[in-house]
C-alpha atoms as a PDB file:
ATOM      1  CA  MET A   1       0.345  -0.056  -0.108  1.00  0.00           C
ATOM      2  CA  THR A   2       1.347   3.390  -0.860  1.00  0.00           C
ATOM      3  CA  GLU A   3       0.440   6.296   1.538  1.00  0.00           C
ATOM      4  CA  GLU A   4      -1.400   8.816   0.346  1.00  0.00           C
ATOM      5  CA  LYS A   5      -0.442  13.005   1.037  1.00  0.00           C
ATOM      6  CA  LYS A   6      -3.915  14.362   3.126  1.00  0.00           C
ATOM      7  CA  GLY A   7      -4.585  17.997   2.651  1.00  0.00           C
ATOM      8  CA  PHE A   8      -6.734  20.553   1.262  1.00  0.00           C
ATOM      9  CA  THR A   9      -6.861  22.167  -2.091  1.00  0.00           C
ATOM     10  CA  VAL A  10      -7.430  25.764  -2.061  1.00  0.00           C
ATOM     11  CA  SER A  11      -9.329  26.999  -5.454  1.00  0.00           C
ATOM     12  CA  ASP A  12     -10.030  31.038  -6.100  1.00  0.00           C
ATOM     13  CA  LYS A  13     -14.331  30.757  -6.703  1.00  0.00           C
ATOM     14  CA  ARG A  14     -14.226  34.505  -7.514  1.00  0.00           C
ATOM     15  CA  ARG A  15     -16.334  35.802 -10.457  1.00  0.00           C
ATOM     16  CA  PHE A  16     -14.187  38.309 -11.509  1.00  0.00           C
ATOM     17  CA  THR A  17     -10.088  39.518 -11.301  1.00  0.00           C
ATOM     18  CA  PRO A  18      -9.041  42.465  -9.441  1.00  0.00           C
ATOM     19  CA  GLU A  19      -9.740  44.458 -12.398  1.00  0.00           C
ATOM     20  CA  GLY A  20     -13.061  43.918 -11.872  1.00  0.00           C
ATOM     21  CA  GLU A  21     -13.274  41.490 -15.686  1.00  0.00           C
ATOM     22  CA  THR A  22     -14.981  38.312 -16.081  1.00  0.00           C
ATOM     23  CA  ARG A  23     -12.727  35.168 -15.140  1.00  0.00           C
ATOM     24  CA  GLU A  24     -13.333  32.574 -18.360  1.00  0.00           C
ATOM     25  CA  ASP A  25     -12.486  29.812 -15.708  1.00  0.00           C
ATOM     26  CA  ALA A  26     -14.980  31.091 -13.091  1.00  0.00           C
ATOM     27  CA  PRO A  27     -16.714  28.851 -11.648  1.00  0.00           C
ATOM     28  CA  GLY A  28     -20.855  28.621 -12.903  1.00  0.00           C
ATOM     29  CA  GLN A  29     -19.687  30.269 -16.292  1.00  0.00           C
ATOM     30  CA  PRO A  30     -21.550  28.537 -19.460  1.00  0.00           C
ATOM     31  CA  GLU A  31     -19.478  26.106 -21.118  1.00  0.00           C
ATOM     32  CA  SER A  32     -19.354  28.133 -23.976  1.00  0.00           C
ATOM     33  CA  GLY A  33     -21.731  30.881 -26.309  1.00  0.00           C
ATOM     34  CA  THR A  34     -23.334  32.258 -23.431  1.00  0.00           C
ATOM     35  CA  ALA A  35     -20.282  33.526 -21.872  1.00  0.00           C
ATOM     36  CA  GLY A  36     -20.184  36.788 -19.415  1.00  0.00           C
ATOM     37  CA  THR A  37     -24.479  36.819 -19.676  1.00  0.00           C
ATOM     38  CA  GLY A  38     -24.987  35.425 -16.643  1.00  0.00           C
ATOM     39  CA  THR A  39     -28.399  34.857 -16.991  1.00  0.00           C
ATOM     40  CA  ALA A  40     -28.065  31.600 -15.719  1.00  0.00           C
ATOM     41  CA  ASP A  41     -26.881  32.177 -12.121  1.00  0.00           C
ATOM     42  CA  THR A  42     -29.407  35.297 -12.069  1.00  0.00           C
ATOM     43  CA  ALA A  43     -32.484  32.989 -12.530  1.00  0.00           C
ATOM     44  CA  GLU A  44     -30.716  30.461 -10.386  1.00  0.00           C
ATOM     45  CA  GLN A  45     -30.426  33.621  -7.396  1.00  0.00           C
ATOM     46  CA  ALA A  46     -33.876  34.731  -8.294  1.00  0.00           C
ATOM     47  CA  GLY A  47     -34.917  30.971  -7.777  1.00  0.00           C
ATOM     48  CA  SER A  48     -33.308  30.508  -4.418  1.00  0.00           C
ATOM     49  CA  ALA A  49     -34.436  34.481  -3.596  1.00  0.00           C
ATOM     50  CA  LYS A  50     -38.458  33.510  -4.390  1.00  0.00           C
ATOM     51  CA  LYS A  51     -38.015  30.344  -2.103  1.00  0.00           C
ATOM     52  CA  ALA A  52     -36.509  31.571   0.939  1.00  0.00           C
ATOM     53  CA  GLU A  53     -39.614  34.539   0.983  1.00  0.00           C
ATOM     54  CA  ASP A  54     -42.117  31.605  -0.004  1.00  0.00           C
ATOM     55  CA  ARG A  55     -40.532  29.198   3.158  1.00  0.00           C
ATOM     56  CA  ARG A  56     -40.705  32.748   5.440  1.00  0.00           C
ATOM     57  CA  ASP A  57     -44.371  33.654   4.192  1.00  0.00           C
ATOM     58  CA  SER A  58     -45.367  30.067   4.836  1.00  0.00           C
ATOM     59  CA  GLY A  59     -44.051  29.935   7.816  1.00  0.00           C
ATOM     60  CA  SER A  60     -42.029  26.612   9.140  1.00  0.00           C
ATOM     61  CA  GLY A  61     -45.258  24.926  10.831  1.00  0.00           C
ATOM     62  CA  LYS A  62     -44.593  26.068  14.617  1.00  0.00           C
ATOM     63  CA  GLY A  63     -46.428  28.894  14.810  1.00  0.00           C
ATOM     64  CA  PRO A  64     -49.024  31.334  13.812  1.00  0.00           C
ATOM     65  CA  GLU A  65     -48.093  32.988  10.376  1.00  0.00           C
ATOM     66  CA  LEU A  66     -46.076  36.511  10.778  1.00  0.00           C
ATOM     67  CA  PRO A  67     -47.229  40.045   8.721  1.00  0.00           C
ATOM     68  CA  ARG A  68     -44.682  40.594   6.252  1.00  0.00           C
ATOM     69  CA  VAL A  69     -42.241  42.756   8.012  1.00  0.00           C
ATOM     70  CA  ASN A  70     -41.984  46.879   7.287  1.00  0.00           C
ATOM     71  CA  PHE A  71     -41.075  49.926   9.084  1.00  0.00           C
ATOM     72  CA  SER A  72     -44.746  50.285  10.612  1.00  0.00           C
ATOM     73  CA  MET A  73     -44.896  46.475  11.383  1.00  0.00           C
ATOM     74  CA  PHE A  74     -41.351  47.454  13.384  1.00  0.00           C
ATOM     75  CA  VAL A  75     -42.382  50.280  15.412  1.00  0.00           C
ATOM     76  CA  LEU A  76     -45.641  48.841  16.107  1.00  0.00           C
ATOM     77  CA  SER A  77     -43.356  45.467  17.026  1.00  0.00           C
ATOM     78  CA  LEU A  78     -41.347  47.977  19.720  1.00  0.00           C
ATOM     79  CA  SER A  79     -44.514  49.690  20.989  1.00  0.00           C
ATOM     80  CA  SER A  80     -46.033  46.297  22.206  1.00  0.00           C
ATOM     81  CA  SER A  81     -42.378  45.593  23.793  1.00  0.00           C
ATOM     82  CA  VAL A  82     -42.716  48.525  26.059  1.00  0.00           C
ATOM     83  CA  MET A  83     -46.282  48.289  26.987  1.00  0.00           C
ATOM     84  CA  MET A  84     -45.369  45.051  28.335  1.00  0.00           C
ATOM     85  CA  ALA A  85     -42.116  46.391  29.954  1.00  0.00           C
ATOM     86  CA  LEU A  86     -44.634  49.352  31.461  1.00  0.00           C
ATOM     87  CA  GLY A  87     -46.827  46.374  32.643  1.00  0.00           C
ATOM     88  CA  GLU A  88     -49.988  47.300  30.758  1.00  0.00           C
ATOM     89  CA  ILE A  89     -50.191  44.056  28.735  1.00  0.00           C
ATOM     90  CA  GLU A  90     -49.259  40.808  29.331  1.00  0.00           C
ATOM     91  CA  ASP A  91     -46.550  38.376  29.030  1.00  0.00           C
ATOM     92  CA  PRO A  92     -47.597  35.924  26.264  1.00  0.00           C
ATOM     93  CA  ILE A  93     -45.380  33.305  27.949  1.00  0.00           C
ATOM     94  CA  SER A  94     -45.409  33.560  31.564  1.00  0.00           C
ATOM     95  CA  GLY A  95     -49.113  35.461  31.450  1.00  0.00           C
ATOM     96  CA  LYS A  96     -48.025  37.971  33.807  1.00  0.00           C
ATOM     97  CA  ALA A  97     -48.316  41.565  33.464  1.00  0.00           C
ATOM     98  CA  GLU A  98     -45.073  42.985  35.164  1.00  0.00           C
ATOM     99  CA  LYS A  99     -43.092  46.126  35.285  1.00  0.00           C
ATOM    100  CA  ASN A 100     -39.944  46.449  34.300  1.00  0.00           C
ATOM    101  CA  LEU A 101     -39.537  50.671  33.250  1.00  0.00           C
ATOM    102  CA  SER A 102     -35.512  49.990  32.560  1.00  0.00           C
ATOM    103  CA  MET A 103     -36.741  48.099  29.554  1.00  0.00           C
ATOM    104  CA  ALA A 104     -39.124  50.330  28.685  1.00  0.00           C
ATOM    105  CA  ARG A 105     -37.164  53.561  28.900  1.00  0.00           C
ATOM    106  CA  HIS A 106     -34.777  51.459  27.110  1.00  0.00           C
ATOM    107  CA  THR A 107     -36.805  50.251  24.250  1.00  0.00           C
ATOM    108  CA  ILE A 108     -38.406  54.314  24.122  1.00  0.00           C
ATOM    109  CA  ASP A 109     -35.234  55.053  23.417  1.00  0.00           C
ATOM    110  CA  ILE A 110     -34.522  53.129  20.343  1.00  0.00           C
ATOM    111  CA  LEU A 111     -37.383  54.364  18.842  1.00  0.00           C
ATOM    112  CA  ALA A 112     -36.602  58.451  19.693  1.00  0.00           C
ATOM    113  CA  MET A 113     -32.993  57.021  17.735  1.00  0.00           C
ATOM    114  CA  LEU A 114     -34.893  55.673  15.031  1.00  0.00           C
ATOM    115  CA  GLU A 115     -37.153  59.003  14.461  1.00  0.00           C
ATOM    116  CA  GLU A 116     -34.163  61.454  14.451  1.00  0.00           C
ATOM    117  CA  LYS A 117     -31.905  58.851  11.682  1.00  0.00           C
ATOM    118  CA  THR A 118     -34.627  58.311   9.968  1.00  0.00           C
ATOM    119  CA  ARG A 119     -36.475  62.261   9.960  1.00  0.00           C
ATOM    120  CA  GLY A 120     -36.938  63.371   6.306  1.00  0.00           C
ATOM    121  CA  ASN A 121     -36.821  59.803   4.871  1.00  0.00           C
ATOM    122  CA  LEU A 122     -40.416  58.546   5.701  1.00  0.00           C
ATOM    123  CA  ALA A 123     -43.611  58.483   3.888  1.00  0.00           C
ATOM    124  CA  LYS A 124     -46.291  60.865   6.093  1.00  0.00           C
ATOM    125  CA  ASP A 125     -47.965  57.672   8.010  1.00  0.00           C
ATOM    126  CA  GLU A 126     -45.087  56.657   9.179  1.00  0.00           C
ATOM    127  CA  GLY A 127     -43.631  59.171  10.253  1.00  0.00           C
ATOM    128  CA  GLU A 128     -46.747  60.424  11.639  1.00  0.00           C
ATOM    129  CA  LEU A 129     -47.508  56.589  13.002  1.00  0.00           C
ATOM    130  CA  LEU A 130     -43.651  57.090  14.930  1.00  0.00           C
ATOM    131  CA  THR A 131     -44.376  60.361  16.527  1.00  0.00           C
ATOM    132  CA  SER A 132     -47.416  59.416  17.898  1.00  0.00           C
ATOM    133  CA  ILE A 133     -46.323  55.940  19.412  1.00  0.00           C
ATOM    134  CA  LEU A 134     -43.810  57.624  21.286  1.00  0.00           C
ATOM    135  CA  TYR A 135     -45.925  60.328  22.273  1.00  0.00           C
ATOM    136  CA  ASP A 136     -47.959  57.224  23.823  1.00  0.00           C
ATOM    137  CA  LEU A 137     -45.697  55.156  25.635  1.00  0.00           C
ATOM    138  CA  ARG A 138     -43.685  58.349  26.545  1.00  0.00           C
ATOM    139  CA  MET A 139     -46.492  59.115  28.373  1.00  0.00           C
ATOM    140  CA  ALA A 140     -47.873  55.578  29.439  1.00  0.00           C
ATOM    141  CA  TYR A 141     -43.996  55.482  30.502  1.00  0.00           C
ATOM    142  CA  VAL A 142     -44.317  58.670  33.080  1.00  0.00           C
ATOM    143  CA  ARG A 143     -47.369  57.588  34.170  1.00  0.00           C
ATOM    144  CA  ALA A 144     -46.159  54.298  35.308  1.00  0.00           C
ATOM    145  CA  ALA A 145     -42.963  55.806  37.275  1.00  0.00           C
ATOM    146  CA  LYS A 146     -45.674  58.076  39.078  1.00  0.00           C
ATOM    147  CA  GLY A 147     -47.292  54.616  40.252  1.00  0.00           C
END
């Protein structure tokens, strides 16, 4: 028996040269005729993205289907977290309403930072939603801190 050398091989799988030109020997390149068009790879990537989106939309069978993520849903989700931390709504896991004012303040600060960083870049209804929710949450925080 002969001894085989064990090791590894490094292969460059980048599609482009350092100058930005398409490499002829790049993996995934068509053998002939359509070199450089990238249509096969683009279609494959689009198909993979669609499959991932379908999995996300259909859920994994582990719970209720969740709504699509957009800015308004994100803000409402953070708002719900604040209300839970203020003891205004029950924790869905424990079933208890418990106060955690530091967590509530932290999440309100996150929403305030979002308002500042997105100023002028939101649709009118998104900006109004964020402003309104921040006002309501701040007032609820003051009530909870006093009581």
